[in-house]
N, C-alpha and C. Protein backbone atom coordinates (compact mmCIF):
# COMPACT_ATOMS: atom_id res chain seq x y z
N MET A 1 88.12 103.91 114.59
CA MET A 1 88.87 102.78 115.25
C MET A 1 89.84 102.45 115.86
N LYS A 2 89.83 101.99 117.13
CA LYS A 2 90.75 102.11 118.39
C LYS A 2 92.35 101.47 117.91
N ASN A 3 92.06 99.85 117.51
CA ASN A 3 93.35 99.23 117.19
C ASN A 3 93.43 98.44 115.82
N ARG A 4 94.51 99.45 115.28
CA ARG A 4 94.85 99.09 113.85
C ARG A 4 95.88 97.73 113.87
N VAL A 5 96.62 98.04 113.84
CA VAL A 5 97.97 97.34 113.91
C VAL A 5 98.54 96.51 115.15
N THR A 6 98.41 95.23 115.47
CA THR A 6 99.03 94.98 116.60
C THR A 6 100.29 94.28 117.16
N GLY A 7 100.68 94.10 115.46
CA GLY A 7 102.30 93.72 115.46
C GLY A 7 102.79 93.05 114.34
N ILE A 8 103.85 92.62 114.39
CA ILE A 8 104.31 92.40 112.84
C ILE A 8 103.75 90.66 112.71
N GLY A 9 103.51 90.85 111.78
CA GLY A 9 102.88 89.40 111.30
C GLY A 9 103.92 88.33 110.58
N GLY A 10 104.86 89.07 109.59
CA GLY A 10 105.55 88.56 108.90
C GLY A 10 106.90 89.41 108.38
N LEU A 11 107.89 88.70 107.88
CA LEU A 11 108.79 89.70 107.07
C LEU A 11 109.29 88.85 105.96
N PHE A 12 108.72 89.27 104.74
CA PHE A 12 108.95 88.44 103.57
C PHE A 12 110.26 89.24 102.63
N PHE A 13 110.69 88.58 101.81
CA PHE A 13 111.69 89.29 100.98
C PHE A 13 112.28 88.49 99.87
N LYS A 14 113.08 88.88 99.11
CA LYS A 14 113.35 88.21 97.70
C LYS A 14 115.00 87.58 98.02
N SER A 15 114.69 86.76 97.36
CA SER A 15 116.21 85.83 97.43
C SER A 15 116.54 85.27 96.37
N ASN A 16 117.80 85.31 95.99
CA ASN A 16 118.60 84.25 94.63
C ASN A 16 118.26 83.16 94.73
N ASP A 17 118.36 82.92 95.78
CA ASP A 17 117.99 80.89 96.04
C ASP A 17 117.62 80.68 97.70
N PRO A 18 116.41 80.88 97.88
CA PRO A 18 115.41 80.98 99.06
C PRO A 18 115.84 79.69 99.70
N ASN A 19 116.21 78.38 99.08
CA ASN A 19 116.50 77.11 100.18
C ASN A 19 117.88 77.40 100.75
N SER A 20 118.77 78.05 99.86
CA SER A 20 120.12 78.06 100.28
C SER A 20 120.08 79.27 101.46
N THR A 21 119.34 80.18 101.43
CA THR A 21 118.97 81.27 102.46
C THR A 21 118.01 80.88 103.64
N LYS A 22 117.45 79.85 103.59
CA LYS A 22 116.99 79.06 104.76
C LYS A 22 117.63 78.25 105.50
N GLU A 23 118.68 77.55 104.65
CA GLU A 23 119.53 76.73 105.09
C GLU A 23 120.69 77.72 106.01
N TRP A 24 120.98 78.89 105.40
CA TRP A 24 121.71 79.47 105.82
C TRP A 24 121.83 80.16 107.31
N TYR A 25 120.36 80.46 107.66
CA TYR A 25 119.76 80.98 108.62
C TYR A 25 119.80 79.60 109.74
N LYS A 26 119.33 78.72 109.40
CA LYS A 26 118.89 77.63 110.22
C LYS A 26 120.26 77.36 110.64
N LYS A 27 121.15 77.30 109.80
CA LYS A 27 122.57 76.67 110.25
C LYS A 27 123.54 77.73 110.95
N HIS A 28 123.23 79.01 110.82
CA HIS A 28 124.17 80.04 111.67
C HIS A 28 123.75 80.73 112.59
N LEU A 29 122.06 80.70 112.39
CA LEU A 29 121.25 81.73 113.32
C LEU A 29 120.30 80.86 114.11
N GLY A 30 120.35 79.38 113.89
CA GLY A 30 119.18 78.53 114.55
C GLY A 30 118.11 78.44 113.99
N PHE A 31 117.58 79.28 113.22
CA PHE A 31 116.22 79.51 112.53
C PHE A 31 115.72 77.93 112.32
N ASN A 32 114.51 77.52 112.73
CA ASN A 32 113.62 76.11 112.77
C ASN A 32 112.93 76.45 111.29
N THR A 33 113.36 75.98 110.42
CA THR A 33 112.96 75.99 108.99
C THR A 33 112.55 75.23 108.25
N ASP A 34 111.28 75.79 107.47
CA ASP A 34 110.38 74.58 107.08
C ASP A 34 110.38 75.05 105.36
N ASP A 35 109.24 74.70 104.47
CA ASP A 35 109.20 75.16 103.37
C ASP A 35 108.73 76.46 103.24
N TYR A 36 108.38 77.17 104.15
CA TYR A 36 107.90 78.66 104.08
C TYR A 36 108.84 79.51 104.63
N GLY A 37 109.52 78.88 105.27
CA GLY A 37 110.72 79.93 106.18
C GLY A 37 110.64 79.41 107.44
N CYS A 38 110.38 80.42 108.44
CA CYS A 38 110.44 80.16 110.12
C CYS A 38 109.49 80.73 110.79
N THR A 39 108.55 80.24 111.48
CA THR A 39 107.64 81.16 112.13
C THR A 39 108.13 80.74 113.61
N PHE A 40 108.03 82.42 114.21
CA PHE A 40 108.65 82.75 115.44
C PHE A 40 107.07 82.93 116.26
N TRP A 41 107.38 81.94 117.70
CA TRP A 41 106.03 82.00 118.39
C TRP A 41 106.27 82.78 119.56
N TRP A 42 105.24 83.42 120.00
CA TRP A 42 105.38 84.25 121.28
C TRP A 42 104.02 84.60 121.79
N LYS A 43 103.97 85.19 122.97
CA LYS A 43 103.08 85.55 123.43
C LYS A 43 102.56 87.08 123.60
N ASP A 44 101.01 86.98 123.37
CA ASP A 44 100.66 88.71 123.33
C ASP A 44 100.25 89.30 125.03
N LYS A 45 100.11 90.16 125.11
CA LYS A 45 100.06 90.83 126.52
C LYS A 45 99.04 89.87 127.68
N LYS A 46 97.95 89.24 126.62
CA LYS A 46 96.90 88.46 127.24
C LYS A 46 97.43 87.27 127.51
N GLY A 47 98.02 86.80 127.16
CA GLY A 47 99.01 85.33 127.13
C GLY A 47 98.52 84.40 126.10
N ASN A 48 97.90 84.83 124.92
CA ASN A 48 97.67 84.00 123.56
C ASN A 48 98.84 83.79 122.99
N ASP A 49 98.82 82.70 122.34
CA ASP A 49 99.72 82.13 121.50
C ASP A 49 99.67 83.09 119.98
N CYS A 50 100.85 83.50 119.63
CA CYS A 50 100.97 84.27 118.75
C CYS A 50 102.19 83.87 117.74
N SER A 51 102.21 84.18 116.45
CA SER A 51 103.39 83.89 115.33
C SER A 51 103.49 84.99 114.74
N THR A 52 105.08 85.11 114.23
CA THR A 52 105.31 86.01 113.22
C THR A 52 106.35 85.17 112.18
N GLN A 53 105.85 85.54 110.88
CA GLN A 53 106.79 84.64 109.91
C GLN A 53 107.62 85.01 109.28
N TRP A 54 109.08 84.69 109.05
CA TRP A 54 110.02 84.89 108.08
C TRP A 54 110.13 83.94 106.84
N SER A 55 109.92 84.43 106.09
CA SER A 55 110.23 84.29 104.67
C SER A 55 110.85 84.53 103.49
N PRO A 56 111.79 83.99 103.08
CA PRO A 56 112.39 84.22 101.70
C PRO A 56 111.68 83.85 100.45
N PHE A 57 111.48 84.75 99.35
CA PHE A 57 110.46 84.51 98.01
C PHE A 57 112.00 84.60 97.16
N GLY A 58 111.41 83.72 95.79
CA GLY A 58 112.47 83.81 95.01
C GLY A 58 112.47 85.14 94.36
N LYS A 59 113.57 85.36 93.60
CA LYS A 59 113.37 86.66 93.08
C LYS A 59 112.51 86.92 92.15
N ASP A 60 111.59 86.18 91.30
CA ASP A 60 111.10 86.41 90.27
C ASP A 60 109.52 86.43 90.68
N THR A 61 109.27 86.38 92.06
CA THR A 61 107.80 86.30 92.60
C THR A 61 107.01 87.56 92.58
N SER A 62 105.57 87.30 92.05
CA SER A 62 104.88 88.49 91.77
C SER A 62 103.70 88.56 92.91
N TYR A 63 104.39 88.07 94.21
CA TYR A 63 103.43 88.33 95.09
C TYR A 63 103.70 89.65 95.47
N TYR A 64 104.69 90.58 95.55
CA TYR A 64 104.69 91.75 96.12
C TYR A 64 103.86 92.87 95.42
N GLU A 65 103.48 92.78 93.98
CA GLU A 65 103.17 93.48 92.82
C GLU A 65 101.99 94.23 93.41
N PRO A 66 101.90 95.25 93.45
CA PRO A 66 102.44 96.20 92.18
C PRO A 66 103.47 96.93 92.76
N SER A 67 104.03 96.64 93.94
CA SER A 67 105.30 97.49 94.45
C SER A 67 106.27 96.63 93.63
N LYS A 68 107.38 97.36 93.40
CA LYS A 68 108.54 96.50 93.00
C LYS A 68 109.80 96.79 93.80
N LYS A 69 109.59 96.45 95.25
CA LYS A 69 110.36 96.63 96.24
C LYS A 69 110.81 94.99 96.11
N ASP A 70 111.84 94.84 97.07
CA ASP A 70 112.65 93.12 97.13
C ASP A 70 111.81 92.91 98.55
N PHE A 71 111.01 93.50 99.25
CA PHE A 71 110.14 93.12 100.21
C PHE A 71 108.99 93.48 100.59
N MET A 72 108.46 92.73 101.30
CA MET A 72 106.94 93.12 101.88
C MET A 72 106.82 93.18 103.44
N PHE A 73 106.09 93.51 103.96
CA PHE A 73 106.00 93.53 105.40
C PHE A 73 104.58 93.25 105.86
N ASN A 74 104.10 92.03 106.74
CA ASN A 74 102.95 91.78 106.74
C ASN A 74 102.47 92.21 108.33
N TYR A 75 101.60 92.73 108.54
CA TYR A 75 101.09 93.24 109.99
C TYR A 75 100.12 92.53 110.39
N ARG A 76 100.17 92.00 111.75
CA ARG A 76 98.98 91.83 112.61
C ARG A 76 97.82 92.83 112.72
N VAL A 77 96.64 92.33 112.45
CA VAL A 77 95.47 93.54 112.79
C VAL A 77 94.50 92.65 113.21
N GLU A 78 93.56 93.73 113.79
CA GLU A 78 92.24 93.24 114.63
C GLU A 78 91.24 93.47 113.41
N ASN A 79 90.23 92.88 113.58
CA ASN A 79 88.93 93.13 112.52
C ASN A 79 89.62 93.69 111.04
N LEU A 80 90.17 93.09 110.18
CA LEU A 80 90.77 93.46 109.17
C LEU A 80 89.36 93.96 107.83
N GLU A 81 88.29 93.28 108.16
CA GLU A 81 87.04 93.85 107.49
C GLU A 81 86.87 95.38 107.65
N GLU A 82 87.11 95.80 109.00
CA GLU A 82 86.52 97.15 109.29
C GLU A 82 87.58 98.13 109.12
N LEU A 83 88.99 97.50 109.26
CA LEU A 83 89.83 98.04 108.90
C LEU A 83 90.20 98.67 107.61
N LEU A 84 89.95 97.78 106.44
CA LEU A 84 90.05 97.96 105.17
C LEU A 84 89.25 98.86 104.89
N LYS A 85 88.10 98.81 105.57
CA LYS A 85 86.52 100.00 105.14
C LYS A 85 87.02 101.50 105.59
N VAL A 86 88.04 101.56 106.58
CA VAL A 86 88.58 102.57 107.24
C VAL A 86 89.44 103.25 106.46
N LEU A 87 90.45 102.43 106.25
CA LEU A 87 91.46 102.82 105.13
C LEU A 87 90.88 103.41 104.05
N LYS A 88 90.26 102.76 103.19
CA LYS A 88 89.31 102.93 102.21
C LYS A 88 89.13 104.30 102.06
N GLU A 89 88.14 104.78 102.99
CA GLU A 89 87.48 106.03 103.17
C GLU A 89 89.12 107.04 103.62
N GLU A 90 89.75 106.75 104.12
CA GLU A 90 91.20 107.84 104.29
C GLU A 90 91.84 107.73 103.24
N GLY A 91 91.38 107.23 101.74
CA GLY A 91 91.91 107.41 100.66
C GLY A 91 93.34 106.55 100.22
N VAL A 92 93.49 105.67 101.35
CA VAL A 92 94.66 104.63 101.35
C VAL A 92 94.04 103.65 100.00
N THR A 93 95.23 103.06 99.09
CA THR A 93 94.96 102.15 98.10
C THR A 93 94.78 100.79 98.42
N ILE A 94 93.92 100.39 97.93
CA ILE A 94 93.38 98.78 98.76
C ILE A 94 93.62 97.82 97.61
N VAL A 95 94.49 96.95 97.38
CA VAL A 95 94.72 96.20 96.83
C VAL A 95 94.51 94.75 96.43
N GLY A 96 93.40 94.60 95.57
CA GLY A 96 92.75 93.08 95.39
C GLY A 96 91.66 92.84 96.50
N GLU A 97 91.04 91.84 96.70
CA GLU A 97 90.03 91.79 97.66
C GLU A 97 90.62 90.76 98.65
N MET A 98 90.13 90.97 99.62
CA MET A 98 90.45 90.29 101.10
C MET A 98 89.91 88.84 100.99
N GLN A 99 91.09 88.03 101.47
CA GLN A 99 90.85 86.30 101.22
C GLN A 99 90.98 85.92 103.08
N GLU A 100 90.57 84.83 102.88
CA GLU A 100 90.22 84.11 104.14
C GLU A 100 90.55 82.91 104.07
N PHE A 101 91.49 82.30 104.96
CA PHE A 101 92.07 80.75 105.14
C PHE A 101 91.79 80.45 106.28
N GLU A 102 92.00 78.95 106.42
CA GLU A 102 91.88 78.60 108.04
C GLU A 102 92.99 79.05 109.11
N TYR A 103 94.21 79.87 108.72
CA TYR A 103 94.83 80.46 109.56
C TYR A 103 94.69 82.19 109.68
N GLY A 104 93.66 82.60 108.66
CA GLY A 104 93.53 83.99 108.82
C GLY A 104 92.76 84.78 107.59
N LYS A 105 92.64 85.92 107.80
CA LYS A 105 92.24 86.82 106.77
C LYS A 105 93.29 87.65 106.41
N PHE A 106 93.58 87.94 105.11
CA PHE A 106 94.29 88.47 104.65
C PHE A 106 93.97 89.77 103.64
N GLY A 107 94.35 90.97 103.81
CA GLY A 107 94.03 92.25 102.84
C GLY A 107 95.72 92.74 102.47
N TRP A 108 95.46 93.62 101.40
CA TRP A 108 96.27 94.42 101.15
C TRP A 108 96.41 96.00 100.75
N ILE A 109 97.11 96.46 101.01
CA ILE A 109 97.46 98.15 100.74
C ILE A 109 98.77 98.56 100.13
N LEU A 110 98.55 99.55 99.85
CA LEU A 110 99.78 100.46 99.16
C LEU A 110 100.41 101.46 100.07
N ASP A 111 101.31 101.78 101.03
CA ASP A 111 101.54 102.88 101.90
C ASP A 111 102.03 104.04 100.85
N ASN A 112 102.33 105.04 101.04
CA ASN A 112 102.46 106.24 100.40
C ASN A 112 104.39 106.53 99.75
N ASP A 113 104.88 105.29 99.95
CA ASP A 113 106.06 105.11 98.76
C ASP A 113 105.82 103.83 98.04
N GLY A 114 104.49 103.55 97.72
CA GLY A 114 104.18 102.23 96.73
C GLY A 114 104.52 100.86 97.25
N ASN A 115 105.00 100.60 98.46
CA ASN A 115 105.23 99.83 99.09
C ASN A 115 103.99 98.83 99.45
N LYS A 116 104.06 97.65 98.88
CA LYS A 116 102.74 96.95 99.19
C LYS A 116 102.95 96.24 100.70
N ILE A 117 101.93 96.42 101.40
CA ILE A 117 101.60 95.94 102.71
C ILE A 117 100.52 94.72 103.01
N GLU A 118 101.01 93.65 103.69
CA GLU A 118 100.02 92.58 103.56
C GLU A 118 99.49 92.80 105.03
N LEU A 119 97.97 92.85 105.39
CA LEU A 119 97.48 92.84 106.58
C LEU A 119 96.77 91.49 106.96
N TRP A 120 96.91 91.20 107.85
CA TRP A 120 96.51 89.99 108.57
C TRP A 120 95.89 89.67 110.01
N GLU A 121 94.61 89.17 109.63
CA GLU A 121 93.83 89.15 110.92
C GLU A 121 94.13 87.43 111.29
N PRO A 122 95.19 87.41 112.27
CA PRO A 122 95.50 85.73 112.52
C PRO A 122 94.51 85.06 113.03
N PHE A 123 94.26 83.42 113.01
CA PHE A 123 93.65 83.16 113.78
C PHE A 123 94.93 81.52 114.12
N ASP A 124 95.55 82.35 115.16
CA ASP A 124 96.76 81.37 115.60
C ASP A 124 96.62 80.19 115.73
N SER A 125 95.48 80.14 116.29
CA SER A 125 95.00 78.45 116.97
C SER A 125 95.31 77.36 115.97
N ALA A 126 94.93 77.83 114.55
CA ALA A 126 95.40 76.87 113.06
C ALA A 126 96.61 76.82 113.41
N PHE A 127 97.75 77.44 113.87
CA PHE A 127 99.21 76.96 113.68
C PHE A 127 99.20 76.03 115.31
N LEU A 128 98.46 75.64 115.97
CA LEU A 128 98.79 74.89 117.31
C LEU A 128 98.70 73.57 117.06
């Protein structure tokens, strides 16, 4: 499989007070925050519109489980279904089932340190 990860799709981390964290980043660093955090827009090599999400989660979130870390990375990928098959064949732990939404397909794996990683095949046009 030629292309696996094509970029960073998102940075997710736990916060004692996600709303205050979003306000701090808005005030001091100019983040254009909303209920989910902040979406950064950029263009890929082909000139396509792409996004990267920055999102603080509450300390009590279970979204990162089974990882016990206070963060989770989301990586942009091409052809998630094929990638998950290849990763499974390579012995990588797959977490849960792939899910599809109007803005993309999602799958989850664990790295060698037990960090949960979210893989996202984006439909960036859904955000435009």
